[in-house]
Amino acid sequence: MAYADIQLEVPEFGLTREAPADELYRIGLIYSEGMGVAVDIVAAHKWFNLAAARGHRGARVCREEMADMMESQDIIKAQRAAREWMKKAN
């Protein structure tokens, strides 16, 4: 494994419950596009869902696009992860 293949940073590290919608949307884009992380549509849906809940229009569209590519159990998993993050976020 080359050193360039090692991913050390978690995009959402340090985010708090009060994070702005734009920041949550940005994390969704990172996971949906695989920018420095593996593509993860469940994680992308989670972050787009959180941003959409705060009124981010682009996140609503992206969340729908992710949902169109997901099985229903994956959508449930993403929604559960969003709720859990809100409970655990500082």
PDB file of N, CA and C in Angstrom:
ATOM      1  N   MET A   1       0.847  -1.176   0.000  1.00  0.00           N
ATOM      2  CA  MET A   1       0.000   0.000   0.000  1.00  0.00           C
ATOM      3  C   MET A   1       0.890   1.236   0.000  1.00  0.00           C
ATOM      4  N   ALA A   2       0.620   2.118  -0.899  1.00  0.00           N
ATOM      5  CA  ALA A   2       1.373   3.371  -0.971  1.00  0.00           C
ATOM      6  C   ALA A   2       0.862   4.333   0.093  1.00  0.00           C
ATOM      7  N   TYR A   3       1.734   5.204   0.535  1.00  0.00           N
ATOM      8  CA  TYR A   3       1.323   6.180   1.547  1.00  0.00           C
ATOM      9  C   TYR A   3       0.176   7.060   1.064  1.00  0.00           C
ATOM     10  N   ALA A   4       0.107   7.315  -0.225  1.00  0.00           N
ATOM     11  CA  ALA A   4      -0.964   8.153  -0.769  1.00  0.00           C
ATOM     12  C   ALA A   4      -2.332   7.490  -0.608  1.00  0.00           C
ATOM     13  N   ASP A   5      -2.348   6.164  -0.423  1.00  0.00           N
ATOM     14  CA  ASP A   5      -3.615   5.447  -0.264  1.00  0.00           C
ATOM     15  C   ASP A   5      -4.165   5.532   1.149  1.00  0.00           C
ATOM     16  N   ILE A   6      -3.385   5.992   2.095  1.00  0.00           N
ATOM     17  CA  ILE A   6      -3.819   6.065   3.482  1.00  0.00           C
ATOM     18  C   ILE A   6      -4.651   7.320   3.685  1.00  0.00           C
ATOM     19  N   GLN A   7      -5.825   7.137   4.262  1.00  0.00           N
ATOM     20  CA  GLN A   7      -6.718   8.255   4.530  1.00  0.00           C
ATOM     21  C   GLN A   7      -6.795   8.433   6.041  1.00  0.00           C
ATOM     22  N   LEU A   8      -6.238   9.520   6.523  1.00  0.00           N
ATOM     23  CA  LEU A   8      -6.130   9.728   7.952  1.00  0.00           C
ATOM     24  C   LEU A   8      -7.240  10.595   8.539  1.00  0.00           C
ATOM     25  N   GLU A   9      -7.797  11.471   7.751  1.00  0.00           N
ATOM     26  CA  GLU A   9      -8.764  12.436   8.268  1.00  0.00           C
ATOM     27  C   GLU A   9     -10.192  11.982   8.052  1.00  0.00           C
ATOM     28  N   VAL A  10     -11.017  12.227   9.030  1.00  0.00           N
ATOM     29  CA  VAL A  10     -12.458  11.993   8.913  1.00  0.00           C
ATOM     30  C   VAL A  10     -13.069  13.355   8.601  1.00  0.00           C
ATOM     31  N   PRO A  11     -13.762  13.479   7.471  1.00  0.00           N
ATOM     32  CA  PRO A  11     -14.265  14.800   7.060  1.00  0.00           C
ATOM     33  C   PRO A  11     -15.115  15.511   8.104  1.00  0.00           C
ATOM     34  N   GLU A  12     -15.864  14.754   8.893  1.00  0.00           N
ATOM     35  CA  GLU A  12     -16.770  15.381   9.861  1.00  0.00           C
ATOM     36  C   GLU A  12     -16.136  15.592  11.234  1.00  0.00           C
ATOM     37  N   PHE A  13     -14.854  15.313  11.359  1.00  0.00           N
ATOM     38  CA  PHE A  13     -14.180  15.473  12.647  1.00  0.00           C
ATOM     39  C   PHE A  13     -14.354  16.896  13.175  1.00  0.00           C
ATOM     40  N   GLY A  14     -14.798  17.003  14.408  1.00  0.00           N
ATOM     41  CA  GLY A  14     -14.932  18.302  15.055  1.00  0.00           C
ATOM     42  C   GLY A  14     -16.247  19.022  14.814  1.00  0.00           C
ATOM     43  N   LEU A  15     -17.115  18.471  13.967  1.00  0.00           N
ATOM     44  CA  LEU A  15     -18.407  19.123  13.743  1.00  0.00           C
ATOM     45  C   LEU A  15     -19.255  19.028  15.003  1.00  0.00           C
ATOM     46  N   THR A  16     -19.975  20.071  15.288  1.00  0.00           N
ATOM     47  CA  THR A  16     -20.897  20.064  16.414  1.00  0.00           C
ATOM     48  C   THR A  16     -22.328  20.095  15.901  1.00  0.00           C
ATOM     49  N   ARG A  17     -23.247  19.909  16.798  1.00  0.00           N
ATOM     50  CA  ARG A  17     -24.665  19.924  16.457  1.00  0.00           C
ATOM     51  C   ARG A  17     -25.074  21.251  15.834  1.00  0.00           C
ATOM     52  N   GLU A  18     -24.348  22.318  16.155  1.00  0.00           N
ATOM     53  CA  GLU A  18     -24.667  23.648  15.636  1.00  0.00           C
ATOM     54  C   GLU A  18     -23.996  23.951  14.293  1.00  0.00           C
ATOM     55  N   ALA A  19     -23.368  22.970  13.687  1.00  0.00           N
ATOM     56  CA  ALA A  19     -22.690  23.185  12.403  1.00  0.00           C
ATOM     57  C   ALA A  19     -23.683  23.744  11.382  1.00  0.00           C
ATOM     58  N   PRO A  20     -23.240  24.700  10.573  1.00  0.00           N
ATOM     59  CA  PRO A  20     -24.152  25.280   9.574  1.00  0.00           C
ATOM     60  C   PRO A  20     -24.503  24.276   8.474  1.00  0.00           C
ATOM     61  N   ALA A  21     -25.646  24.486   7.861  1.00  0.00           N
ATOM     62  CA  ALA A  21     -26.128  23.603   6.798  1.00  0.00           C
ATOM     63  C   ALA A  21     -25.119  23.470   5.670  1.00  0.00           C
ATOM     64  N   ASP A  22     -24.436  24.559   5.327  1.00  0.00           N
ATOM     65  CA  ASP A  22     -23.439  24.499   4.251  1.00  0.00           C
ATOM     66  C   ASP A  22     -22.315  23.520   4.570  1.00  0.00           C
ATOM     67  N   GLU A  23     -21.919  23.454   5.818  1.00  0.00           N
ATOM     68  CA  GLU A  23     -20.851  22.541   6.218  1.00  0.00           C
ATOM     69  C   GLU A  23     -21.328  21.089   6.151  1.00  0.00           C
ATOM     70  N   LEU A  24     -22.541  20.827   6.596  1.00  0.00           N
ATOM     71  CA  LEU A  24     -23.101  19.482   6.516  1.00  0.00           C
ATOM     72  C   LEU A  24     -23.247  19.048   5.058  1.00  0.00           C
ATOM     73  N   TYR A  25     -23.669  19.976   4.218  1.00  0.00           N
ATOM     74  CA  TYR A  25     -23.789  19.714   2.778  1.00  0.00           C
ATOM     75  C   TYR A  25     -22.426  19.384   2.180  1.00  0.00           C
ATOM     76  N   ARG A  26     -21.403  20.131   2.581  1.00  0.00           N
ATOM     77  CA  ARG A  26     -20.044  19.891   2.075  1.00  0.00           C
ATOM     78  C   ARG A  26     -19.574  18.479   2.423  1.00  0.00           C
ATOM     79  N   ILE A  27     -19.880  18.018   3.626  1.00  0.00           N
ATOM     80  CA  ILE A  27     -19.501  16.659   4.034  1.00  0.00           C
ATOM     81  C   ILE A  27     -20.240  15.642   3.163  1.00  0.00           C
ATOM     82  N   GLY A  28     -21.510  15.903   2.884  1.00  0.00           N
ATOM     83  CA  GLY A  28     -22.259  15.030   1.980  1.00  0.00           C
ATOM     84  C   GLY A  28     -21.617  14.939   0.613  1.00  0.00           C
ATOM     85  N   LEU A  29     -21.171  16.083   0.089  1.00  0.00           N
ATOM     86  CA  LEU A  29     -20.487  16.084  -1.210  1.00  0.00           C
ATOM     87  C   LEU A  29     -19.201  15.273  -1.164  1.00  0.00           C
ATOM     88  N   ILE A  30     -18.453  15.401  -0.087  1.00  0.00           N
ATOM     89  CA  ILE A  30     -17.199  14.650   0.057  1.00  0.00           C
ATOM     90  C   ILE A  30     -17.468  13.155  -0.056  1.00  0.00           C
ATOM     91  N   TYR A  31     -18.477  12.665   0.667  1.00  0.00           N
ATOM     92  CA  TYR A  31     -18.789  11.233   0.626  1.00  0.00           C
ATOM     93  C   TYR A  31     -19.429  10.810  -0.693  1.00  0.00           C
ATOM     94  N   SER A  32     -20.232  11.665  -1.294  1.00  0.00           N
ATOM     95  CA  SER A  32     -20.896  11.278  -2.544  1.00  0.00           C
ATOM     96  C   SER A  32     -19.928  11.258  -3.724  1.00  0.00           C
ATOM     97  N   GLU A  33     -18.910  12.096  -3.674  1.00  0.00           N
ATOM     98  CA  GLU A  33     -17.948  12.193  -4.766  1.00  0.00           C
ATOM     99  C   GLU A  33     -16.649  11.439  -4.494  1.00  0.00           C
ATOM    100  N   GLY A  34     -16.448  11.010  -3.248  1.00  0.00           N
ATOM    101  CA  GLY A  34     -15.210  10.313  -2.908  1.00  0.00           C
ATOM    102  C   GLY A  34     -14.005  11.233  -2.904  1.00  0.00           C
ATOM    103  N   MET A  35     -14.177  12.437  -2.384  1.00  0.00           N
ATOM    104  CA  MET A  35     -13.084  13.416  -2.341  1.00  0.00           C
ATOM    105  C   MET A  35     -12.211  13.170  -1.114  1.00  0.00           C
ATOM    106  N   GLY A  36     -11.170  12.333  -1.283  1.00  0.00           N
ATOM    107  CA  GLY A  36     -10.265  12.013  -0.182  1.00  0.00           C
ATOM    108  C   GLY A  36     -10.755  10.889   0.707  1.00  0.00           C
ATOM    109  N   VAL A  37     -11.928  10.361   0.402  1.00  0.00           N
ATOM    110  CA  VAL A  37     -12.508   9.228   1.131  1.00  0.00           C
ATOM    111  C   VAL A  37     -13.130   8.286   0.101  1.00  0.00           C
ATOM    112  N   ALA A  38     -13.453   7.086   0.537  1.00  0.00           N
ATOM    113  CA  ALA A  38     -14.178   6.170  -0.341  1.00  0.00           C
ATOM    114  C   ALA A  38     -15.603   6.695  -0.537  1.00  0.00           C
ATOM    115  N   VAL A  39     -16.135   6.531  -1.730  1.00  0.00           N
ATOM    116  CA  VAL A  39     -17.529   6.904  -1.979  1.00  0.00           C
ATOM    117  C   VAL A  39     -18.401   6.083  -1.044  1.00  0.00           C
ATOM    118  N   ASP A  40     -19.315   6.764  -0.366  1.00  0.00           N
ATOM    119  CA  ASP A  40     -20.212   6.116   0.592  1.00  0.00           C
ATOM    120  C   ASP A  40     -21.559   6.820   0.493  1.00  0.00           C
ATOM    121  N   ILE A  41     -22.487   6.218  -0.271  1.00  0.00           N
ATOM    122  CA  ILE A  41     -23.762   6.899  -0.495  1.00  0.00           C
ATOM    123  C   ILE A  41     -24.646   6.908   0.751  1.00  0.00           C
ATOM    124  N   VAL A  42     -24.459   5.952   1.643  1.00  0.00           N
ATOM    125  CA  VAL A  42     -25.212   5.972   2.898  1.00  0.00           C
ATOM    126  C   VAL A  42     -24.759   7.166   3.740  1.00  0.00           C
ATOM    127  N   ALA A  43     -23.450   7.347   3.864  1.00  0.00           N
ATOM    128  CA  ALA A  43     -22.923   8.498   4.613  1.00  0.00           C
ATOM    129  C   ALA A  43     -23.315   9.803   3.919  1.00  0.00           C
ATOM    130  N   ALA A  44     -23.259   9.831   2.588  1.00  0.00           N
ATOM    131  CA  ALA A  44     -23.635  11.037   1.852  1.00  0.00           C
ATOM    132  C   ALA A  44     -25.097  11.388   2.138  1.00  0.00           C
ATOM    133  N   HIS A  45     -25.975  10.401   2.080  1.00  0.00           N
ATOM    134  CA  HIS A  45     -27.392  10.629   2.362  1.00  0.00           C
ATOM    135  C   HIS A  45     -27.561  11.189   3.772  1.00  0.00           C
ATOM    136  N   LYS A  46     -26.844  10.614   4.724  1.00  0.00           N
ATOM    137  CA  LYS A  46     -26.908  11.082   6.115  1.00  0.00           C
ATOM    138  C   LYS A  46     -26.612  12.572   6.203  1.00  0.00           C
ATOM    139  N   TRP A  47     -25.501  13.006   5.606  1.00  0.00           N
ATOM    140  CA  TRP A  47     -25.086  14.406   5.705  1.00  0.00           C
ATOM    141  C   TRP A  47     -25.998  15.315   4.903  1.00  0.00           C
ATOM    142  N   PHE A  48     -26.453  14.861   3.730  1.00  0.00           N
ATOM    143  CA  PHE A  48     -27.409  15.657   2.964  1.00  0.00           C
ATOM    144  C   PHE A  48     -28.724  15.786   3.729  1.00  0.00           C
ATOM    145  N   ASN A  49     -29.128  14.722   4.405  1.00  0.00           N
ATOM    146  CA  ASN A  49     -30.354  14.749   5.195  1.00  0.00           C
ATOM    147  C   ASN A  49     -30.236  15.770   6.323  1.00  0.00           C
ATOM    148  N   LEU A  50     -29.116  15.781   7.019  1.00  0.00           N
ATOM    149  CA  LEU A  50     -28.902  16.738   8.103  1.00  0.00           C
ATOM    150  C   LEU A  50     -28.915  18.179   7.575  1.00  0.00           C
ATOM    151  N   ALA A  51     -28.265  18.393   6.422  1.00  0.00           N
ATOM    152  CA  ALA A  51     -28.237  19.734   5.833  1.00  0.00           C
ATOM    153  C   ALA A  51     -29.628  20.148   5.348  1.00  0.00           C
ATOM    154  N   ALA A  52     -30.353  19.212   4.749  1.00  0.00           N
ATOM    155  CA  ALA A  52     -31.704  19.509   4.271  1.00  0.00           C
ATOM    156  C   ALA A  52     -32.630  19.863   5.431  1.00  0.00           C
ATOM    157  N   ALA A  53     -32.440  19.200   6.559  1.00  0.00           N
ATOM    158  CA  ALA A  53     -33.256  19.497   7.738  1.00  0.00           C
ATOM    159  C   ALA A  53     -33.038  20.925   8.226  1.00  0.00           C
ATOM    160  N   ARG A  54     -31.899  21.499   7.844  1.00  0.00           N
ATOM    161  CA  ARG A  54     -31.595  22.895   8.203  1.00  0.00           C
ATOM    162  C   ARG A  54     -31.905  23.856   7.066  1.00  0.00           C
ATOM    163  N   GLY A  55     -32.618  23.360   6.072  1.00  0.00           N
ATOM    164  CA  GLY A  55     -33.101  24.234   5.007  1.00  0.00           C
ATOM    165  C   GLY A  55     -32.221  24.367   3.779  1.00  0.00           C
ATOM    166  N   HIS A  56     -31.198  23.554   3.638  1.00  0.00           N
ATOM    167  CA  HIS A  56     -30.302  23.657   2.477  1.00  0.00           C
ATOM    168  C   HIS A  56     -30.975  23.027   1.260  1.00  0.00           C
ATOM    169  N   ARG A  57     -31.294  23.841   0.270  1.00  0.00           N
ATOM    170  CA  ARG A  57     -32.017  23.371  -0.911  1.00  0.00           C
ATOM    171  C   ARG A  57     -31.220  22.376  -1.740  1.00  0.00           C
ATOM    172  N   GLY A  58     -29.934  22.654  -1.941  1.00  0.00           N
ATOM    173  CA  GLY A  58     -29.097  21.737  -2.707  1.00  0.00           C
ATOM    174  C   GLY A  58     -29.000  20.377  -2.052  1.00  0.00           C
ATOM    175  N   ALA A  59     -28.987  20.364  -0.735  1.00  0.00           N
ATOM    176  CA  ALA A  59     -28.911  19.096   0.002  1.00  0.00           C
ATOM    177  C   ALA A  59     -30.169  18.268  -0.216  1.00  0.00           C
ATOM    178  N   ARG A  60     -31.302  18.934  -0.330  1.00  0.00           N
ATOM    179  CA  ARG A  60     -32.553  18.200  -0.577  1.00  0.00           C
ATOM    180  C   ARG A  60     -32.485  17.460  -1.907  1.00  0.00           C
ATOM    181  N   VAL A  61     -31.988  18.146  -2.917  1.00  0.00           N
ATOM    182  CA  VAL A  61     -31.863  17.538  -4.244  1.00  0.00           C
ATOM    183  C   VAL A  61     -30.876  16.374  -4.195  1.00  0.00           C
ATOM    184  N   CYS A  62     -29.733  16.595  -3.567  1.00  0.00           N
ATOM    185  CA  CYS A  62     -28.716  15.546  -3.486  1.00  0.00           C
ATOM    186  C   CYS A  62     -29.204  14.351  -2.679  1.00  0.00           C
ATOM    187  N   ARG A  63     -29.928  14.607  -1.605  1.00  0.00           N
ATOM    188  CA  ARG A  63     -30.488  13.517  -0.790  1.00  0.00           C
ATOM    189  C   ARG A  63     -31.420  12.660  -1.639  1.00  0.00           C
ATOM    190  N   GLU A  64     -32.237  13.291  -2.469  1.00  0.00           N
ATOM    191  CA  GLU A  64     -33.135  12.547  -3.347  1.00  0.00           C
ATOM    192  C   GLU A  64     -32.355  11.726  -4.362  1.00  0.00           C
ATOM    193  N   GLU A  65     -31.288  12.318  -4.910  1.00  0.00           N
ATOM    194  CA  GLU A  65     -30.455  11.595  -5.870  1.00  0.00           C
ATOM    195  C   GLU A  65     -29.806  10.378  -5.214  1.00  0.00           C
ATOM    196  N   MET A  66     -29.320  10.538  -3.986  1.00  0.00           N
ATOM    197  CA  MET A  66     -28.723   9.411  -3.265  1.00  0.00           C
ATOM    198  C   MET A  66     -29.787   8.341  -3.015  1.00  0.00           C
ATOM    199  N   ALA A  67     -30.967   8.751  -2.592  1.00  0.00           N
ATOM    200  CA  ALA A  67     -32.045   7.806  -2.293  1.00  0.00           C
ATOM    201  C   ALA A  67     -32.425   6.989  -3.526  1.00  0.00           C
ATOM    202  N   ASP A  68     -32.371   7.606  -4.707  1.00  0.00           N
ATOM    203  CA  ASP A  68     -32.696   6.901  -5.951  1.00  0.00           C
ATOM    204  C   ASP A  68     -31.705   5.772  -6.239  1.00  0.00           C
ATOM    205  N   MET A  69     -30.503   5.851  -5.672  1.00  0.00           N
ATOM    206  CA  MET A  69     -29.471   4.834  -5.896  1.00  0.00           C
ATOM    207  C   MET A  69     -29.408   3.805  -4.767  1.00  0.00           C
ATOM    208  N   MET A  70     -30.255   3.960  -3.749  1.00  0.00           N
ATOM    209  CA  MET A  70     -30.145   3.146  -2.545  1.00  0.00           C
ATOM    210  C   MET A  70     -31.314   2.177  -2.397  1.00  0.00           C
ATOM    211  N   GLU A  71     -31.041   1.088  -1.703  1.00  0.00           N
ATOM    212  CA  GLU A  71     -32.097   0.167  -1.279  1.00  0.00           C
ATOM    213  C   GLU A  71     -32.777   0.780  -0.060  1.00  0.00           C
ATOM    214  N   SER A  72     -34.010   0.387   0.197  1.00  0.00           N
ATOM    215  CA  SER A  72     -34.754   0.974   1.316  1.00  0.00           C
ATOM    216  C   SER A  72     -34.058   0.753   2.650  1.00  0.00           C
ATOM    217  N   GLN A  73     -33.414  -0.397   2.845  1.00  0.00           N
ATOM    218  CA  GLN A  73     -32.720  -0.640   4.115  1.00  0.00           C
ATOM    219  C   GLN A  73     -31.519   0.289   4.282  1.00  0.00           C
ATOM    220  N   ASP A  74     -30.901   0.697   3.182  1.00  0.00           N
ATOM    221  CA  ASP A  74     -29.787   1.641   3.264  1.00  0.00           C
ATOM    222  C   ASP A  74     -30.273   3.047   3.612  1.00  0.00           C
ATOM    223  N   ILE A  75     -31.443   3.416   3.112  1.00  0.00           N
ATOM    224  CA  ILE A  75     -32.016   4.711   3.459  1.00  0.00           C
ATOM    225  C   ILE A  75     -32.335   4.746   4.949  1.00  0.00           C
ATOM    226  N   ILE A  76     -32.914   3.662   5.441  1.00  0.00           N
ATOM    227  CA  ILE A  76     -33.205   3.565   6.876  1.00  0.00           C
ATOM    228  C   ILE A  76     -31.918   3.671   7.686  1.00  0.00           C
ATOM    229  N   LYS A  77     -30.883   3.002   7.221  1.00  0.00           N
ATOM    230  CA  LYS A  77     -29.577   3.047   7.898  1.00  0.00           C
ATOM    231  C   LYS A  77     -29.029   4.479   7.934  1.00  0.00           C
ATOM    232  N   ALA A  78     -29.137   5.198   6.817  1.00  0.00           N
ATOM    233  CA  ALA A  78     -28.657   6.580   6.745  1.00  0.00           C
ATOM    234  C   ALA A  78     -29.464   7.493   7.665  1.00  0.00           C
ATOM    235  N   GLN A  79     -30.772   7.309   7.687  1.00  0.00           N
ATOM    236  CA  GLN A  79     -31.627   8.129   8.550  1.00  0.00           C
ATOM    237  C   GLN A  79     -31.327   7.864  10.025  1.00  0.00           C
ATOM    238  N   ARG A  80     -31.107   6.604  10.362  1.00  0.00           N
ATOM    239  CA  ARG A  80     -30.758   6.248  11.738  1.00  0.00           C
ATOM    240  C   ARG A  80     -29.417   6.882  12.124  1.00  0.00           C
ATOM    241  N   ALA A  81     -28.459   6.828  11.195  1.00  0.00           N
ATOM    242  CA  ALA A  81     -27.139   7.409  11.454  1.00  0.00           C
ATOM    243  C   ALA A  81     -27.240   8.921  11.672  1.00  0.00           C
ATOM    244  N   ALA A  82     -28.112   9.584  10.933  1.00  0.00           N
ATOM    245  CA  ALA A  82     -28.306  11.033  11.107  1.00  0.00           C
ATOM    246  C   ALA A  82     -28.871  11.337  12.489  1.00  0.00           C
ATOM    247  N   ARG A  83     -29.863  10.562  12.901  1.00  0.00           N
ATOM    248  CA  ARG A  83     -30.443  10.763  14.244  1.00  0.00           C
ATOM    249  C   ARG A  83     -29.406  10.504  15.336  1.00  0.00           C
ATOM    250  N   GLU A  84     -28.621   9.447  15.173  1.00  0.00           N
ATOM    251  CA  GLU A  84     -27.592   9.129  16.164  1.00  0.00           C
ATOM    252  C   GLU A  84     -26.531  10.223  16.239  1.00  0.00           C
ATOM    253  N   TRP A  85     -26.154  10.769  15.082  1.00  0.00           N
ATOM    254  CA  TRP A  85     -25.152  11.835  15.088  1.00  0.00           C
ATOM    255  C   TRP A  85     -25.670  13.041  15.850  1.00  0.00           C
ATOM    256  N   MET A  86     -26.943  13.383  15.635  1.00  0.00           N
ATOM    257  CA  MET A  86     -27.522  14.528  16.327  1.00  0.00           C
ATOM    258  C   MET A  86     -27.518  14.313  17.853  1.00  0.00           C
ATOM    259  N   LYS A  87     -27.729  13.098  18.286  1.00  0.00           N
ATOM    260  CA  LYS A  87     -27.717  12.803  19.719  1.00  0.00           C
ATOM    261  C   LYS A  87     -26.305  12.883  20.300  1.00  0.00           C
ATOM    262  N   LYS A  88     -25.315  12.426  19.524  1.00  0.00           N
ATOM    263  CA  LYS A  88     -23.942  12.326  20.027  1.00  0.00           C
ATOM    264  C   LYS A  88     -23.108  13.573  19.789  1.00  0.00           C
ATOM    265  N   ALA A  89     -23.477  14.397  18.825  1.00  0.00           N
ATOM    266  CA  ALA A  89     -22.681  15.580  18.478  1.00  0.00           C
ATOM    267  C   ALA A  89     -22.575  16.505  19.679  1.00  0.00           C
ATOM    268  N   ASN A  90     -21.408  17.076  19.827  1.00  0.00           N
ATOM    269  CA  ASN A  90     -21.174  17.973  20.976  1.00  0.00           C
ATOM    270  C   ASN A  90     -22.033  19.198  20.867  1.00  0.00           C
TER     271      ASN A  90
END
